[in-house]
Amino acid sequence: MASSCGSRHRRLLPLLLSVTLLGGGCQFTGVSEAGRERCRQLSAAAGHPFTVALSYVRCLPSSDSNLAAERATRKAAETAAEARRAALEVCRRRQVTITTMMGSLRQAEQELAAARSSPFSPSVAPPQPLDAGKEARYRPEDQRLDQDRYEAELGAWEQQVASQRRRWRQQRAERIEAAQARLDRDAQALRDLQPDLFTGPTSIEFDPTALRKLKTSCNSAG
């Protein structure tokens, strides 16, 4: 009878220990409530009450440090993700800036070509030459008067055209100078921002390999 009672007590001991520990009978000072809750959640899957209690007790000493480590890991991951997003945004803005500057360079190149090839065109037509058949019917003195008048009109026209040509040359030179200055500025700005963009140190032709690298440069930033 005594043996049966002792055996029953030994079987109940794990259960009593489990109930005591889970009920707070075995307390670890300095462990936060968050740490205890973590240990409860982790040990709940153990199944057997004694195993649950043992797992809970083993978890407590390192629970707060583990929580701190997990928080630090999450914070580091969030910081890294934010850094990647910021780097991607910077890279995309840089791509837009370079693309815009490339368009400006090509526009300056077109303006320079247009300025260089612009033709001169007088704004007034020359006087009509005298009609020889009609003049033959006039008296010689009238013919001389008509000829003198025509030559005067032609001279005035030539002077007007010469003045227009001088203004056109001056304006053309100014247009060429302005377009060339803009072209030089745009090219230098692009060289400063993307040194390998051109096919050579004095070229304004874009290097195909550099263009492909530019288009895919943000893939690694994200």
C-alpha atoms as a PDB file:
ATOM      1  CA  MET A   1       0.000   0.000   0.000  1.00  0.00           C
ATOM      2  CA  ALA A   2       2.794   2.395   0.918  1.00  0.00           C
ATOM      3  CA  SER A   3       4.619   1.492  -2.297  1.00  0.00           C
ATOM      4  CA  SER A   4       1.536   2.266  -4.381  1.00  0.00           C
ATOM      5  CA  CYS A   5       1.141   5.642  -2.680  1.00  0.00           C
ATOM      6  CA  GLY A   6       4.783   6.556  -3.316  1.00  0.00           C
ATOM      7  CA  SER A   7       4.519   5.620  -6.961  1.00  0.00           C
ATOM      8  CA  ARG A   8       1.447   7.758  -7.366  1.00  0.00           C
ATOM      9  CA  HIS A   9       3.240  10.722  -5.745  1.00  0.00           C
ATOM     10  CA  ARG A  10       6.176  10.306  -8.135  1.00  0.00           C
ATOM     11  CA  ARG A  11       3.798  10.390 -11.112  1.00  0.00           C
ATOM     12  CA  LEU A  12       2.072  13.505  -9.792  1.00  0.00           C
ATOM     13  CA  LEU A  13       5.336  15.329  -9.048  1.00  0.00           C
ATOM     14  CA  PRO A  14       5.994  16.483 -12.655  1.00  0.00           C
ATOM     15  CA  LEU A  15       2.446  17.706 -13.008  1.00  0.00           C
ATOM     16  CA  LEU A  16       2.594  19.591  -9.695  1.00  0.00           C
ATOM     17  CA  LEU A  17       5.949  21.102 -10.680  1.00  0.00           C
ATOM     18  CA  SER A  18       4.569  22.203 -14.032  1.00  0.00           C
ATOM     19  CA  VAL A  19       1.511  23.808 -12.479  1.00  0.00           C
ATOM     20  CA  THR A  20       3.681  25.559  -9.885  1.00  0.00           C
ATOM     21  CA  LEU A  21       6.099  26.954 -12.480  1.00  0.00           C
ATOM     22  CA  LEU A  22       3.428  28.084 -14.930  1.00  0.00           C
ATOM     23  CA  GLY A  23       1.418  29.620 -12.118  1.00  0.00           C
ATOM     24  CA  GLY A  24       4.383  31.764 -11.094  1.00  0.00           C
ATOM     25  CA  GLY A  25       5.692  29.696  -8.258  1.00  0.00           C
ATOM     26  CA  CYS A  26       9.198  29.772  -9.768  1.00  0.00           C
ATOM     27  CA  GLN A  27       9.971  33.358 -10.626  1.00  0.00           C
ATOM     28  CA  PHE A  28      13.099  34.785 -12.319  1.00  0.00           C
ATOM     29  CA  THR A  29      13.737  38.319 -11.197  1.00  0.00           C
ATOM     30  CA  GLY A  30      14.755  40.867 -13.812  1.00  0.00           C
ATOM     31  CA  VAL A  31      12.936  39.171 -16.714  1.00  0.00           C
ATOM     32  CA  SER A  32      10.535  41.498 -18.503  1.00  0.00           C
ATOM     33  CA  GLU A  33       6.945  40.601 -19.112  1.00  0.00           C
ATOM     34  CA  ALA A  34       7.678  40.578 -22.850  1.00  0.00           C
ATOM     35  CA  GLY A  35      10.434  38.046 -22.213  1.00  0.00           C
ATOM     36  CA  ARG A  36       8.126  35.848 -20.119  1.00  0.00           C
ATOM     37  CA  GLU A  37       5.427  36.032 -22.776  1.00  0.00           C
ATOM     38  CA  ARG A  38       7.939  34.998 -25.413  1.00  0.00           C
ATOM     39  CA  CYS A  39       8.952  31.999 -23.322  1.00  0.00           C
ATOM     40  CA  ARG A  40       5.301  31.043 -22.793  1.00  0.00           C
ATOM     41  CA  GLN A  41       4.692  31.114 -26.517  1.00  0.00           C
ATOM     42  CA  LEU A  42       7.836  29.120 -27.307  1.00  0.00           C
ATOM     43  CA  SER A  43       7.224  26.482 -24.630  1.00  0.00           C
ATOM     44  CA  ALA A  44       3.519  26.076 -25.373  1.00  0.00           C
ATOM     45  CA  ALA A  45       4.245  23.749 -28.277  1.00  0.00           C
ATOM     46  CA  ALA A  46       6.091  21.275 -26.048  1.00  0.00           C
ATOM     47  CA  GLY A  47       2.854  19.446 -25.244  1.00  0.00           C
ATOM     48  CA  HIS A  48       3.565  17.590 -21.996  1.00  0.00           C
ATOM     49  CA  PRO A  49       3.144  19.855 -18.924  1.00  0.00           C
ATOM     50  CA  PHE A  50       6.542  18.942 -17.516  1.00  0.00           C
ATOM     51  CA  THR A  51       8.256  19.572 -20.846  1.00  0.00           C
ATOM     52  CA  VAL A  52       6.373  22.841 -21.149  1.00  0.00           C
ATOM     53  CA  ALA A  53       7.555  23.925 -17.719  1.00  0.00           C
ATOM     54  CA  LEU A  54      11.140  22.841 -18.341  1.00  0.00           C
ATOM     55  CA  SER A  55      11.230  24.644 -21.681  1.00  0.00           C
ATOM     56  CA  TYR A  56       9.800  27.746 -20.046  1.00  0.00           C
ATOM     57  CA  VAL A  57      12.406  27.719 -17.255  1.00  0.00           C
ATOM     58  CA  ARG A  58      15.272  27.228 -19.715  1.00  0.00           C
ATOM     59  CA  CYS A  59      14.001  30.046 -21.919  1.00  0.00           C
ATOM     60  CA  LEU A  60      13.765  32.713 -19.217  1.00  0.00           C
ATOM     61  CA  PRO A  61      17.452  33.600 -18.625  1.00  0.00           C
ATOM     62  CA  SER A  62      18.108  34.527 -22.264  1.00  0.00           C
ATOM     63  CA  SER A  63      14.638  35.721 -23.238  1.00  0.00           C
ATOM     64  CA  ASP A  64      15.304  39.460 -22.916  1.00  0.00           C
ATOM     65  CA  SER A  65      18.679  39.289 -24.661  1.00  0.00           C
ATOM     66  CA  ASN A  66      17.113  37.254 -27.474  1.00  0.00           C
ATOM     67  CA  LEU A  67      14.320  39.796 -27.813  1.00  0.00           C
ATOM     68  CA  ALA A  68      16.883  42.598 -27.910  1.00  0.00           C
ATOM     69  CA  ALA A  69      18.867  40.761 -30.575  1.00  0.00           C
ATOM     70  CA  GLU A  70      15.735  40.218 -32.657  1.00  0.00           C
ATOM     71  CA  ARG A  71      14.807  43.884 -32.342  1.00  0.00           C
ATOM     72  CA  ALA A  72      18.330  44.887 -33.374  1.00  0.00           C
ATOM     73  CA  THR A  73      18.167  42.538 -36.367  1.00  0.00           C
ATOM     74  CA  ARG A  74      14.815  43.977 -37.452  1.00  0.00           C
ATOM     75  CA  LYS A  75      16.110  47.505 -36.994  1.00  0.00           C
ATOM     76  CA  ALA A  76      19.214  46.750 -39.041  1.00  0.00           C
ATOM     77  CA  ALA A  77      17.085  45.197 -41.789  1.00  0.00           C
ATOM     78  CA  GLU A  78      14.774  48.232 -41.820  1.00  0.00           C
ATOM     79  CA  THR A  79      17.742  50.598 -41.935  1.00  0.00           C
ATOM     80  CA  ALA A  80      19.318  48.651 -44.790  1.00  0.00           C
ATOM     81  CA  ALA A  81      16.029  48.622 -46.709  1.00  0.00           C
ATOM     82  CA  GLU A  82      15.645  52.364 -46.223  1.00  0.00           C
ATOM     83  CA  ALA A  83      19.214  52.914 -47.400  1.00  0.00           C
ATOM     84  CA  ARG A  84      18.521  50.837 -50.523  1.00  0.00           C
ATOM     85  CA  ARG A  85      15.363  52.828 -51.240  1.00  0.00           C
ATOM     86  CA  ALA A  86      17.235  56.101 -50.781  1.00  0.00           C
ATOM     87  CA  ALA A  87      20.072  54.933 -53.050  1.00  0.00           C
ATOM     88  CA  LEU A  88      17.568  53.852 -55.698  1.00  0.00           C
ATOM     89  CA  GLU A  89      15.837  57.233 -55.578  1.00  0.00           C
ATOM     90  CA  VAL A  90      19.164  59.057 -55.902  1.00  0.00           C
ATOM     91  CA  CYS A  91      20.159  56.839 -58.836  1.00  0.00           C
ATOM     92  CA  ARG A  92      16.849  57.406 -60.630  1.00  0.00           C
ATOM     93  CA  ARG A  93      17.067  61.176 -60.162  1.00  0.00           C
ATOM     94  CA  ARG A  94      20.601  61.048 -61.548  1.00  0.00           C
ATOM     95  CA  GLN A  95      19.392  59.073 -64.565  1.00  0.00           C
ATOM     96  CA  VAL A  96      16.674  61.660 -65.241  1.00  0.00           C
ATOM     97  CA  THR A  97      19.189  64.500 -64.902  1.00  0.00           C
ATOM     98  CA  ILE A  98      21.651  62.896 -67.320  1.00  0.00           C
ATOM     99  CA  THR A  99      18.902  62.056 -69.827  1.00  0.00           C
ATOM    100  CA  THR A 100      17.635  65.650 -69.728  1.00  0.00           C
ATOM    101  CA  MET A 101      21.159  67.004 -70.201  1.00  0.00           C
ATOM    102  CA  MET A 102      21.735  64.654 -73.135  1.00  0.00           C
ATOM    103  CA  GLY A 103      18.603  66.026 -74.798  1.00  0.00           C
ATOM    104  CA  SER A 104      19.792  69.580 -74.183  1.00  0.00           C
ATOM    105  CA  LEU A 105      23.168  68.748 -75.734  1.00  0.00           C
ATOM    106  CA  ARG A 106      21.567  67.382 -78.878  1.00  0.00           C
ATOM    107  CA  GLN A 107      19.321  70.440 -79.127  1.00  0.00           C
ATOM    108  CA  ALA A 108      22.351  72.725 -78.839  1.00  0.00           C
ATOM    109  CA  GLU A 109      24.058  70.689 -81.557  1.00  0.00           C
ATOM    110  CA  GLN A 110      21.035  71.157 -83.840  1.00  0.00           C
ATOM    111  CA  GLU A 111      20.940  74.885 -83.121  1.00  0.00           C
ATOM    112  CA  LEU A 112      24.622  75.188 -83.996  1.00  0.00           C
ATOM    113  CA  ALA A 113      24.134  73.310 -87.257  1.00  0.00           C
ATOM    114  CA  ALA A 114      21.106  75.460 -88.132  1.00  0.00           C
ATOM    115  CA  ALA A 115      23.031  78.665 -87.386  1.00  0.00           C
ATOM    116  CA  ARG A 116      25.940  77.614 -89.567  1.00  0.00           C
ATOM    117  CA  SER A 117      23.751  76.603 -92.505  1.00  0.00           C
ATOM    118  CA  SER A 118      21.273  79.475 -92.376  1.00  0.00           C
ATOM    119  CA  PRO A 119      21.128  81.127 -95.842  1.00  0.00           C
ATOM    120  CA  PHE A 120      20.980  84.825 -96.558  1.00  0.00           C
ATOM    121  CA  SER A 121      17.761  85.998 -98.130  1.00  0.00           C
ATOM    122  CA  PRO A 122      17.156  89.700 -98.961  1.00  0.00           C
ATOM    123  CA  SER A 123      13.888  91.070 -97.660  1.00  0.00           C
ATOM    124  CA  VAL A 124      13.256  93.140-100.814  1.00  0.00           C
ATOM    125  CA  ALA A 125      13.264  92.096-104.459  1.00  0.00           C
ATOM    126  CA  PRO A 126      15.533  93.819-106.981  1.00  0.00           C
ATOM    127  CA  PRO A 127      13.981  96.372-109.391  1.00  0.00           C
ATOM    128  CA  GLN A 128      12.538  94.992-112.578  1.00  0.00           C
ATOM    129  CA  PRO A 129      14.937  95.340-115.539  1.00  0.00           C
ATOM    130  CA  LEU A 130      13.860  97.642-118.348  1.00  0.00           C
ATOM    131  CA  ASP A 131      11.852  96.127-121.169  1.00  0.00           C
ATOM    132  CA  ALA A 132      14.026  96.567-124.248  1.00  0.00           C
ATOM    133  CA  GLY A 133      11.084  96.289-126.642  1.00  0.00           C
ATOM    134  CA  LYS A 134       9.104  98.910-124.805  1.00  0.00           C
ATOM    135  CA  GLU A 135      12.115 101.209-124.429  1.00  0.00           C
ATOM    136  CA  ALA A 136      12.779 101.058-128.189  1.00  0.00           C
ATOM    137  CA  ARG A 137       9.547 102.978-128.765  1.00  0.00           C
ATOM    138  CA  TYR A 138      10.713 105.889-126.569  1.00  0.00           C
ATOM    139  CA  ARG A 139      12.820 108.816-127.527  1.00  0.00           C
ATOM    140  CA  PRO A 140      16.545 108.486-126.731  1.00  0.00           C
ATOM    141  CA  GLU A 141      16.351 111.073-123.964  1.00  0.00           C
ATOM    142  CA  ASP A 142      13.440 109.193-122.356  1.00  0.00           C
ATOM    143  CA  GLN A 143      15.394 105.974-122.641  1.00  0.00           C
ATOM    144  CA  ARG A 144      18.299 107.615-120.863  1.00  0.00           C
ATOM    145  CA  LEU A 145      15.983 108.826-118.116  1.00  0.00           C
ATOM    146  CA  ASP A 146      14.529 105.344-117.675  1.00  0.00           C
ATOM    147  CA  GLN A 147      18.019 103.847-117.645  1.00  0.00           C
ATOM    148  CA  ASP A 148      19.232 106.375-115.091  1.00  0.00           C
ATOM    149  CA  ARG A 149      16.172 105.711-112.924  1.00  0.00           C
ATOM    150  CA  TYR A 150      16.678 101.962-113.137  1.00  0.00           C
ATOM    151  CA  GLU A 151      20.357 102.189-112.259  1.00  0.00           C
ATOM    152  CA  ALA A 152      19.535 104.411-109.277  1.00  0.00           C
ATOM    153  CA  GLU A 153      16.922 101.933-108.051  1.00  0.00           C
ATOM    154  CA  LEU A 154      19.351  99.061-108.588  1.00  0.00           C
ATOM    155  CA  GLY A 155      22.090 100.885-106.689  1.00  0.00           C
ATOM    156  CA  ALA A 156      19.742 101.637-103.800  1.00  0.00           C
ATOM    157  CA  TRP A 157      18.650  98.013-103.757  1.00  0.00           C
ATOM    158  CA  GLU A 158      22.242  96.778-103.728  1.00  0.00           C
ATOM    159  CA  GLN A 159      23.084  99.096-100.843  1.00  0.00           C
ATOM    160  CA  GLN A 160      20.028  97.892 -98.912  1.00  0.00           C
ATOM    161  CA  VAL A 161      20.948  94.260 -99.570  1.00  0.00           C
ATOM    162  CA  ALA A 162      24.549  94.893 -98.536  1.00  0.00           C
ATOM    163  CA  SER A 163      23.343  96.401 -95.270  1.00  0.00           C
ATOM    164  CA  GLN A 164      21.034  93.450 -94.694  1.00  0.00           C
ATOM    165  CA  ARG A 165      23.855  91.039 -95.472  1.00  0.00           C
ATOM    166  CA  ARG A 166      26.105  92.713 -92.888  1.00  0.00           C
ATOM    167  CA  ARG A 167      23.361  92.452 -90.250  1.00  0.00           C
ATOM    168  CA  TRP A 168      22.736  88.826 -91.239  1.00  0.00           C
ATOM    169  CA  ARG A 169      26.430  87.967 -90.897  1.00  0.00           C
ATOM    170  CA  GLN A 170      26.585  89.612 -87.473  1.00  0.00           C
ATOM    171  CA  GLN A 171      23.444  87.850 -86.272  1.00  0.00           C
ATOM    172  CA  ARG A 172      24.649  84.556 -87.714  1.00  0.00           C
ATOM    173  CA  ALA A 173      27.985  84.889 -85.938  1.00  0.00           C
ATOM    174  CA  GLU A 174      26.180  85.662 -82.667  1.00  0.00           C
ATOM    175  CA  ARG A 175      23.884  82.648 -83.099  1.00  0.00           C
ATOM    176  CA  ILE A 176      26.852  80.388 -83.823  1.00  0.00           C
ATOM    177  CA  GLU A 177      28.751  81.707 -80.820  1.00  0.00           C
ATOM    178  CA  ALA A 178      25.762  81.262 -78.479  1.00  0.00           C
ATOM    179  CA  ALA A 179      24.994  77.766 -79.763  1.00  0.00           C
ATOM    180  CA  GLN A 180      28.648  76.735 -79.521  1.00  0.00           C
ATOM    181  CA  ALA A 181      28.893  78.076 -75.967  1.00  0.00           C
ATOM    182  CA  ARG A 182      25.760  76.184 -74.950  1.00  0.00           C
ATOM    183  CA  LEU A 183      27.047  73.041 -76.633  1.00  0.00           C
ATOM    184  CA  ASP A 184      30.379  73.323 -74.806  1.00  0.00           C
ATOM    185  CA  ARG A 185      28.672  73.912 -71.445  1.00  0.00           C
ATOM    186  CA  ASP A 186      26.308  70.968 -71.856  1.00  0.00           C
ATOM    187  CA  ALA A 187      29.107  68.659 -72.975  1.00  0.00           C
ATOM    188  CA  GLN A 188      31.359  69.653 -70.073  1.00  0.00           C
ATOM    189  CA  ALA A 189      28.543  69.247 -67.555  1.00  0.00           C
ATOM    190  CA  LEU A 190      27.883  65.746 -68.846  1.00  0.00           C
ATOM    191  CA  ARG A 191      31.598  64.867 -68.737  1.00  0.00           C
ATOM    192  CA  ASP A 192      31.747  66.031 -65.128  1.00  0.00           C
ATOM    193  CA  LEU A 193      28.689  63.977 -64.209  1.00  0.00           C
ATOM    194  CA  GLN A 194      29.392  60.880 -66.332  1.00  0.00           C
ATOM    195  CA  PRO A 195      33.025  60.892 -67.529  1.00  0.00           C
ATOM    196  CA  ASP A 196      32.721  57.773 -69.707  1.00  0.00           C
ATOM    197  CA  LEU A 197      29.568  58.902 -71.523  1.00  0.00           C
ATOM    198  CA  PHE A 198      31.332  60.055 -74.713  1.00  0.00           C
ATOM    199  CA  THR A 199      33.403  58.127 -77.222  1.00  0.00           C
ATOM    200  CA  GLY A 200      36.418  60.385 -76.645  1.00  0.00           C
ATOM    201  CA  PRO A 201      37.720  63.309 -74.578  1.00  0.00           C
ATOM    202  CA  THR A 202      36.665  65.878 -77.191  1.00  0.00           C
ATOM    203  CA  SER A 203      33.780  63.979 -78.764  1.00  0.00           C
ATOM    204  CA  ILE A 204      30.103  64.741 -78.230  1.00  0.00           C
ATOM    205  CA  GLU A 205      28.980  61.349 -79.533  1.00  0.00           C
ATOM    206  CA  PHE A 206      27.567  59.063 -76.854  1.00  0.00           C
ATOM    207  CA  ASP A 207      29.277  55.739 -76.259  1.00  0.00           C
ATOM    208  CA  PRO A 208      26.764  52.854 -76.713  1.00  0.00           C
ATOM    209  CA  THR A 209      28.307  50.802 -73.902  1.00  0.00           C
ATOM    210  CA  ALA A 210      28.112  53.744 -71.501  1.00  0.00           C
ATOM    211  CA  LEU A 211      24.465  54.303 -72.463  1.00  0.00           C
ATOM    212  CA  ARG A 212      23.596  50.675 -71.709  1.00  0.00           C
ATOM    213  CA  LYS A 213      25.367  50.907 -68.351  1.00  0.00           C
ATOM    214  CA  LEU A 214      23.478  54.106 -67.569  1.00  0.00           C
ATOM    215  CA  LYS A 215      20.105  52.506 -68.307  1.00  0.00           C
ATOM    216  CA  THR A 216      20.808  49.536 -66.006  1.00  0.00           C
ATOM    217  CA  SER A 217      22.812  51.344 -63.325  1.00  0.00           C
ATOM    218  CA  CYS A 218      19.852  51.558 -60.931  1.00  0.00           C
ATOM    219  CA  ASN A 219      19.139  47.822 -60.989  1.00  0.00           C
ATOM    220  CA  SER A 220      21.850  47.116 -58.426  1.00  0.00           C
ATOM    221  CA  ALA A 221      20.907  50.158 -56.333  1.00  0.00           C
ATOM    222  CA  GLY A 222      17.503  48.653 -55.526  1.00  0.00           C
END
